[in-house]
Amino acid sequence: MASENPIVLHLGDPVEFNKELFAQISEQFTVIRPSLEERQRDAFLKALKEKKWGNFQGIFRPFWNTGGEMGRWDAELIPLLPSSLKVYGSAGAGYDWMDVDILADHGILYCNGAQASSEAVADMAIFHIISVFRNMQWSMDGARSGDPNLFLEAHRGTQITAHNPQTQILGIIGLGNIGYTIARKAYACFGMKIYYQDLYRKPTEQENAIGASFCQTLDDLLAVADCIVLATPFGGSKLITKETLAKFKKGSKFVNIARGTLVDEDALVGALKSGHLSAVGLDVHDSEPNVNKELAKMRNVTLTAHTAGGAAETMIGFERLSMENVQHVLTGQEALTPVNKHMFK
């Protein structure tokens, strides 16, 4: 396939919000949008083998819920991509469906949309933090029950184990865009003490802005925090396990707005039943859309349906970033939100 302009694949539904940007990109590049049938895995692999779309240089996926019909981008799929491909820009913050290390081995930059979802996800985290400290699930269940006895039980009982977040230690695993925004809000809203653990320590000025303390190891963080928030990408294995939970401060709380696959939910149930954990808030679940039935029964567990990033501003930003990252890289500029740049050899 010959083209005067660089070829860019558009995976998924048509652009809905940033139409002026899309028009600009359509002038700069030859945009090809494979059909739904062509995006099914067998058909997609066959098309790559046959170089159906030529030597394309960029891919953008503007929506997280379409464009992924071919399944996991792995050691079977990635080597079939043309050597001309430089960048893949996608909606969404998580990338557990993409082997970004293999992309890096092939010289392909992966860019996500986490920056666009930071505000929304952080707000949901704040909701869950309030809920686990103030027994909000118990209170909401009592109010919605229609049963005066359950209403009064919640009215009188929730305060026994409720605490103000103020002065409590919030431990954050992963202080990237989302984690830092959570910390900033919790510090400003409640005056919480911020502790964090990450692969990389933040510059002193960023730590000082939120009163943050860096923990050298995850064990150090778990031992001191009154509430742990998980805000790190999926790294290929569970991070919160029976062994990890045993190292949590007794009576502490846990919030997950990252990925459900990072958590052993059976171990989480055990930690709650034993009283080692006092409350849990989950926006993400291990086998979505199925929710752990034991957790769903517990009044000290707040559950939401993976809607942390679900704001209009997020959708618009996801779409925009997916295109802008490709546009920047293919015009010789720096990517806006690179994920695997540090993996390049």
Protein backbone atom coordinates (compact mmCIF):
# COMPACT_ATOMS: atom_id res chain seq x y z
CA MET A 1 0.00 0.00 0.00
CA ALA A 2 1.56 3.26 -1.15
CA SER A 3 0.88 6.56 0.58
CA GLU A 4 2.42 10.01 0.41
CA ASN A 5 1.64 10.70 4.06
CA PRO A 6 2.62 8.41 6.96
CA ILE A 7 -0.05 5.78 7.56
CA VAL A 8 -1.82 5.67 10.92
CA LEU A 9 -4.24 2.95 12.04
CA HIS A 10 -7.35 4.06 13.93
CA LEU A 11 -8.61 1.17 16.06
CA GLY A 12 -12.18 1.28 17.30
CA ASP A 13 -15.16 3.59 17.04
CA PRO A 14 -15.11 6.89 15.13
CA VAL A 15 -13.82 9.97 16.93
CA GLU A 16 -16.68 11.62 18.79
CA PHE A 17 -15.38 14.61 20.72
CA ASN A 18 -12.13 16.03 19.33
CA LYS A 19 -13.23 16.28 15.71
CA GLU A 20 -11.08 19.30 14.85
CA LEU A 21 -7.98 17.45 16.03
CA PHE A 22 -9.02 14.39 14.05
CA ALA A 23 -9.48 16.53 10.93
CA GLN A 24 -5.99 17.93 11.43
CA ILE A 25 -4.52 14.46 11.83
CA SER A 26 -6.38 13.27 8.74
CA GLU A 27 -4.61 16.00 6.75
CA GLN A 28 -1.19 15.15 8.18
CA PHE A 29 -1.51 11.37 7.89
CA THR A 30 -3.35 8.71 5.92
CA VAL A 31 -5.75 7.36 8.54
CA ILE A 32 -7.04 3.80 8.07
CA ARG A 33 -9.76 2.43 10.34
CA PRO A 34 -9.99 -1.38 10.15
CA SER A 35 -13.55 -2.70 10.30
CA LEU A 36 -14.93 -4.60 13.28
CA GLU A 37 -14.48 -7.84 11.33
CA GLU A 38 -10.87 -6.99 10.53
CA ARG A 39 -10.19 -6.33 14.22
CA GLN A 40 -11.07 -9.87 15.32
CA ARG A 41 -7.86 -11.64 16.34
CA ASP A 42 -7.52 -14.19 13.54
CA ALA A 43 -8.40 -11.64 10.87
CA PHE A 44 -6.14 -9.02 12.45
CA LEU A 45 -3.13 -11.35 12.60
CA LYS A 46 -3.74 -12.42 9.00
CA ALA A 47 -3.90 -8.79 7.86
CA LEU A 48 -0.62 -7.99 9.63
CA LYS A 49 1.09 -10.99 8.02
CA GLU A 50 -0.14 -9.89 4.61
CA LYS A 51 0.82 -6.23 5.27
CA LYS A 52 -2.73 -5.29 4.39
CA TRP A 53 -2.33 -1.77 5.80
CA GLY A 54 1.17 -1.18 4.54
CA ASN A 55 4.06 0.16 6.59
CA PHE A 56 2.00 2.14 9.07
CA GLN A 57 3.92 4.30 11.55
CA GLY A 58 1.32 4.97 14.23
CA ILE A 59 -1.74 3.50 15.91
CA PHE A 60 -4.34 5.27 18.00
CA ARG A 61 -7.22 3.78 19.95
CA PRO A 62 -9.50 6.62 21.13
CA PHE A 63 -11.89 4.57 23.34
CA TRP A 64 -11.06 1.90 25.89
CA ASN A 65 -14.22 -0.13 25.15
CA THR A 66 -13.63 -0.59 21.40
CA GLY A 67 -10.53 -1.26 19.35
CA GLY A 68 -9.35 -4.13 21.52
CA GLU A 69 -11.22 -6.91 19.74
CA MET A 70 -7.98 -8.63 18.71
CA GLY A 71 -7.21 -9.38 22.34
CA ARG A 72 -3.85 -9.30 24.03
CA TRP A 73 -0.93 -7.60 22.30
CA ASP A 74 1.68 -10.22 23.06
CA ALA A 75 4.60 -12.22 21.69
CA GLU A 76 2.34 -13.68 19.01
CA LEU A 77 0.97 -10.37 17.72
CA ILE A 78 3.69 -7.74 18.26
CA PRO A 79 6.39 -9.33 16.03
CA LEU A 80 3.93 -9.14 13.12
CA LEU A 81 3.81 -5.35 13.31
CA PRO A 82 5.77 -3.51 10.63
CA SER A 83 9.25 -2.26 11.57
CA SER A 84 8.01 1.20 10.55
CA LEU A 85 5.68 1.43 13.58
CA LYS A 86 6.90 4.02 16.08
CA VAL A 87 4.02 4.74 18.46
CA TYR A 88 0.75 3.36 19.84
CA GLY A 89 -1.48 5.90 21.61
CA SER A 90 -4.41 4.50 23.56
CA ALA A 91 -7.31 5.59 25.69
CA GLY A 92 -7.38 4.23 29.23
CA ALA A 93 -4.97 4.31 32.14
CA GLY A 94 -4.35 0.58 32.55
CA TYR A 95 -2.39 -1.48 30.06
CA ASP A 96 -2.60 -5.00 31.45
CA TRP A 97 -3.77 -6.10 27.98
CA MET A 98 -0.55 -4.87 26.36
CA ASP A 99 2.96 -6.31 26.76
CA VAL A 100 4.65 -2.92 26.77
CA ASP A 101 8.06 -4.50 27.36
CA ILE A 102 7.80 -6.46 24.11
CA LEU A 103 6.70 -3.29 22.34
CA ALA A 104 9.81 -1.57 23.68
CA ASP A 105 11.99 -4.45 22.42
CA HIS A 106 10.61 -3.67 18.95
CA GLY A 107 11.22 0.06 19.32
CA ILE A 108 7.53 0.94 19.65
CA LEU A 109 6.53 3.61 22.16
CA TYR A 110 3.29 2.97 24.07
CA CYS A 111 1.37 5.97 25.43
CA ASN A 112 -1.69 5.76 27.67
CA GLY A 113 -4.39 8.18 28.81
CA ALA A 114 -3.82 8.15 32.57
CA GLN A 115 -3.24 11.89 32.61
CA ALA A 116 -6.81 12.43 31.39
CA SER A 117 -8.33 10.25 34.11
CA SER A 118 -6.26 11.45 37.07
CA GLU A 119 -8.87 13.87 38.45
CA ALA A 120 -11.80 11.47 38.13
CA VAL A 121 -9.96 8.46 39.55
CA ALA A 122 -8.55 10.51 42.41
CA ASP A 123 -12.03 11.79 43.25
CA MET A 124 -13.31 8.21 43.41
CA ALA A 125 -10.39 7.29 45.63
CA ILE A 126 -11.32 10.14 47.97
CA PHE A 127 -14.89 8.80 48.08
CA HIS A 128 -13.61 5.36 49.05
CA ILE A 129 -11.22 6.82 51.62
CA ILE A 130 -14.10 8.69 53.26
CA SER A 131 -16.25 5.56 53.06
CA VAL A 132 -13.77 3.21 54.75
CA PHE A 133 -13.07 5.70 57.52
CA ARG A 134 -16.71 6.65 58.11
CA ASN A 135 -18.53 3.34 57.45
CA MET A 136 -20.44 4.84 54.53
CA GLN A 137 -21.47 1.51 53.00
CA TRP A 138 -23.16 0.46 56.24
CA SER A 139 -24.88 3.84 56.47
CA MET A 140 -26.06 3.79 52.84
CA ASP A 141 -27.33 0.23 53.10
CA GLY A 142 -29.29 1.13 56.23
CA ALA A 143 -30.86 4.16 54.57
CA ARG A 144 -31.83 2.27 51.42
CA SER A 145 -33.11 -0.84 53.18
CA GLY A 146 -36.59 0.50 53.90
CA ASP A 147 -36.28 -1.22 57.26
CA PRO A 148 -36.46 1.17 60.25
CA ASN A 149 -34.49 -1.27 62.39
CA LEU A 150 -31.60 -1.42 59.90
CA PHE A 151 -31.73 2.36 59.58
CA LEU A 152 -31.45 2.80 63.34
CA GLU A 153 -28.76 0.12 63.61
CA ALA A 154 -26.62 2.03 61.11
CA HIS A 155 -27.50 5.36 62.70
CA ARG A 156 -26.36 4.21 66.13
CA GLY A 157 -23.64 1.72 65.21
CA THR A 158 -21.51 3.25 62.49
CA GLN A 159 -19.89 5.77 64.80
CA ILE A 160 -18.35 3.07 66.99
CA THR A 161 -15.64 2.29 64.45
CA ALA A 162 -15.70 5.51 62.40
CA HIS A 163 -12.78 7.93 62.38
CA ASN A 164 -11.98 11.28 60.84
CA PRO A 165 -9.33 10.95 58.09
CA GLN A 166 -7.57 14.02 59.50
CA THR A 167 -4.07 13.20 60.83
CA GLN A 168 -4.40 9.57 59.69
CA ILE A 169 -1.57 8.13 57.59
CA LEU A 170 -2.50 7.49 53.97
CA GLY A 171 -0.14 5.05 52.30
CA ILE A 172 -0.08 5.13 48.50
CA ILE A 173 1.41 2.36 46.41
CA GLY A 174 2.41 4.02 43.14
CA LEU A 175 2.80 7.81 43.09
CA GLY A 176 2.35 8.40 39.37
CA ASN A 177 -0.12 10.90 37.88
CA ILE A 178 -3.10 9.30 39.62
CA GLY A 179 -1.37 8.48 42.89
CA TYR A 180 0.02 11.98 43.22
CA THR A 181 -3.38 13.54 42.52
CA ILE A 182 -4.93 11.34 45.23
CA ALA A 183 -2.22 12.43 47.65
CA ARG A 184 -2.68 16.11 46.78
CA LYS A 185 -6.44 15.93 47.37
CA ALA A 186 -6.19 13.90 50.60
CA TYR A 187 -3.53 16.26 51.96
CA ALA A 188 -5.52 19.38 51.04
CA CYS A 189 -8.95 18.04 52.03
CA PHE A 190 -8.17 16.28 55.26
CA GLY A 191 -4.63 17.09 56.27
CA MET A 192 -3.75 13.41 56.05
CA LYS A 193 -0.14 12.38 56.45
CA ILE A 194 1.09 11.03 53.11
CA TYR A 195 3.49 8.10 52.87
CA TYR A 196 4.26 6.40 49.58
CA GLN A 197 6.26 3.68 47.90
CA ASP A 198 7.24 3.71 44.24
CA LEU A 199 10.04 2.55 41.96
CA TYR A 200 11.19 6.14 41.75
CA ARG A 201 11.25 8.78 44.47
CA LYS A 202 9.62 12.11 43.68
CA PRO A 203 11.71 15.31 43.70
CA THR A 204 11.90 17.06 47.06
CA GLU A 205 9.69 19.96 45.94
CA GLN A 206 6.91 17.58 44.90
CA GLU A 207 7.12 15.68 48.19
CA ASN A 208 7.05 18.92 50.17
CA ALA A 209 3.97 20.14 48.30
CA ILE A 210 1.94 17.26 49.76
CA GLY A 211 3.91 16.62 52.92
CA ALA A 212 4.92 13.20 51.62
CA SER A 213 7.37 10.72 53.10
CA PHE A 214 9.05 8.10 50.90
CA CYS A 215 9.23 4.50 52.07
CA GLN A 216 12.15 2.44 50.77
CA THR A 217 10.17 -0.81 50.76
CA LEU A 218 6.56 -1.87 50.49
CA ASP A 219 6.82 -3.58 53.89
CA ASP A 220 7.83 -0.27 55.47
CA LEU A 221 4.75 1.40 54.01
CA LEU A 222 2.32 -1.35 54.99
CA ALA A 223 3.52 -1.36 58.59
CA VAL A 224 2.79 2.33 59.21
CA ALA A 225 -0.26 3.28 57.08
CA ASP A 226 -3.77 3.56 58.49
CA CYS A 227 -5.16 3.25 54.98
CA ILE A 228 -3.43 1.85 51.90
CA VAL A 229 -4.47 3.01 48.42
CA LEU A 230 -3.36 0.88 45.49
CA ALA A 231 -2.60 3.11 42.49
CA THR A 232 -0.05 1.17 40.48
CA PRO A 233 -0.39 -0.53 37.07
CA PHE A 234 -0.73 -4.31 36.78
CA GLY A 235 2.75 -5.78 36.67
CA GLY A 236 1.88 -9.34 35.68
CA SER A 237 1.19 -10.81 39.13
CA LYS A 238 -0.83 -10.15 42.26
CA LEU A 239 0.65 -7.58 44.61
CA ILE A 240 -1.82 -7.82 47.50
CA THR A 241 -1.66 -11.43 48.69
CA LYS A 242 -2.18 -13.31 51.93
CA GLU A 243 1.49 -12.71 52.76
CA THR A 244 1.28 -9.00 51.90
CA LEU A 245 -1.92 -8.51 53.87
CA ALA A 246 -0.30 -10.00 56.97
CA LYS A 247 2.14 -7.07 56.89
CA PHE A 248 -0.62 -4.43 56.91
CA LYS A 249 -0.99 -2.50 60.14
CA LYS A 250 -3.65 -4.27 62.24
CA GLY A 251 -7.04 -2.61 61.89
CA SER A 252 -5.99 -0.64 58.81
CA LYS A 253 -8.05 -0.03 55.69
CA PHE A 254 -7.50 -0.78 52.01
CA VAL A 255 -8.68 0.98 48.82
CA ASN A 256 -8.10 -0.24 45.27
CA ILE A 257 -8.68 2.01 42.27
CA ALA A 258 -5.92 0.39 40.17
CA ARG A 259 -6.61 -3.12 38.85
CA GLY A 260 -8.60 -5.91 40.46
CA THR A 261 -6.12 -8.49 39.21
CA LEU A 262 -3.53 -7.05 41.59
CA VAL A 263 -5.45 -8.37 44.60
CA ASP A 264 -6.09 -11.86 45.95
CA GLU A 265 -9.73 -11.34 46.92
CA ASP A 266 -10.02 -14.58 48.89
CA ALA A 267 -7.12 -13.41 51.05
CA LEU A 268 -8.84 -10.03 51.36
CA VAL A 269 -12.00 -11.74 52.66
CA GLY A 270 -9.89 -13.62 55.19
CA ALA A 271 -8.18 -10.45 56.40
CA LEU A 272 -11.56 -8.74 56.90
CA LYS A 273 -13.12 -11.70 58.70
CA SER A 274 -10.17 -11.98 61.06
CA GLY A 275 -10.29 -8.26 61.81
CA HIS A 276 -6.76 -7.68 60.55
CA LEU A 277 -8.32 -5.23 58.07
CA SER A 278 -11.17 -3.06 59.34
CA ALA A 279 -12.61 -1.85 56.03
CA VAL A 280 -12.09 -2.07 52.28
CA GLY A 281 -13.12 0.03 49.27
CA LEU A 282 -12.93 -1.46 45.77
CA ASP A 283 -13.69 0.15 42.43
CA VAL A 284 -12.00 -2.69 40.54
CA HIS A 285 -12.48 -6.43 40.87
CA ASP A 286 -10.50 -9.57 40.09
CA SER A 287 -12.96 -11.17 37.63
CA GLU A 288 -15.05 -8.29 36.32
CA PRO A 289 -17.92 -8.00 35.71
CA ASN A 290 -18.32 -10.58 38.47
CA VAL A 291 -17.96 -9.28 42.02
CA ASN A 292 -16.72 -11.45 44.88
CA LYS A 293 -19.90 -12.63 46.64
CA GLU A 294 -18.30 -12.73 50.09
CA LEU A 295 -17.09 -9.14 49.80
CA ALA A 296 -20.50 -8.02 48.54
CA LYS A 297 -22.12 -9.27 51.77
CA MET A 298 -19.90 -7.21 54.06
CA ARG A 299 -21.07 -3.85 55.37
CA ASN A 300 -17.48 -2.71 55.92
CA VAL A 301 -16.74 -3.13 52.20
CA THR A 302 -17.61 -0.35 49.75
CA LEU A 303 -17.99 -1.49 46.15
CA THR A 304 -18.30 0.48 42.91
CA ALA A 305 -18.50 -0.84 39.36
CA HIS A 306 -15.11 0.18 37.90
CA THR A 307 -16.35 3.72 37.36
CA ALA A 308 -13.46 5.66 38.91
CA GLY A 309 -12.44 7.17 35.60
CA GLY A 310 -16.00 7.45 34.37
CA ALA A 311 -16.38 11.18 33.78
CA ALA A 312 -17.10 13.03 30.54
CA GLU A 313 -13.82 14.91 30.90
CA THR A 314 -11.99 11.59 31.03
CA MET A 315 -13.55 10.29 27.81
CA ILE A 316 -12.75 13.53 25.99
CA GLY A 317 -9.20 13.52 27.33
CA PHE A 318 -8.62 9.84 26.50
CA GLU A 319 -9.64 10.45 22.92
CA ARG A 320 -7.52 13.58 22.60
CA LEU A 321 -4.38 12.07 24.13
CA SER A 322 -4.57 8.95 21.96
CA MET A 323 -4.32 11.15 18.87
CA GLU A 324 -1.96 13.80 20.24
CA ASN A 325 0.64 11.26 21.30
CA VAL A 326 0.76 9.82 17.79
CA GLN A 327 0.79 13.29 16.24
CA HIS A 328 3.66 14.43 18.46
CA VAL A 329 5.87 11.41 17.89
CA LEU A 330 5.35 11.31 14.12
CA THR A 331 6.15 15.01 13.80
CA GLY A 332 9.39 14.71 15.75
CA GLN A 333 8.14 15.93 19.13
CA GLU A 334 8.22 14.27 22.55
CA ALA A 335 5.35 11.96 23.46
CA LEU A 336 2.98 13.43 26.06
CA THR A 337 2.32 10.34 28.17
CA PRO A 338 4.90 7.61 27.39
CA VAL A 339 4.66 4.41 29.41
CA ASN A 340 7.53 2.21 28.24
CA LYS A 341 10.16 4.74 27.20
CA HIS A 342 12.40 3.69 30.08
CA MET A 343 12.36 0.12 28.74
CA PHE A 344 14.00 1.02 25.44
CA LYS A 345 17.48 -0.42 24.96
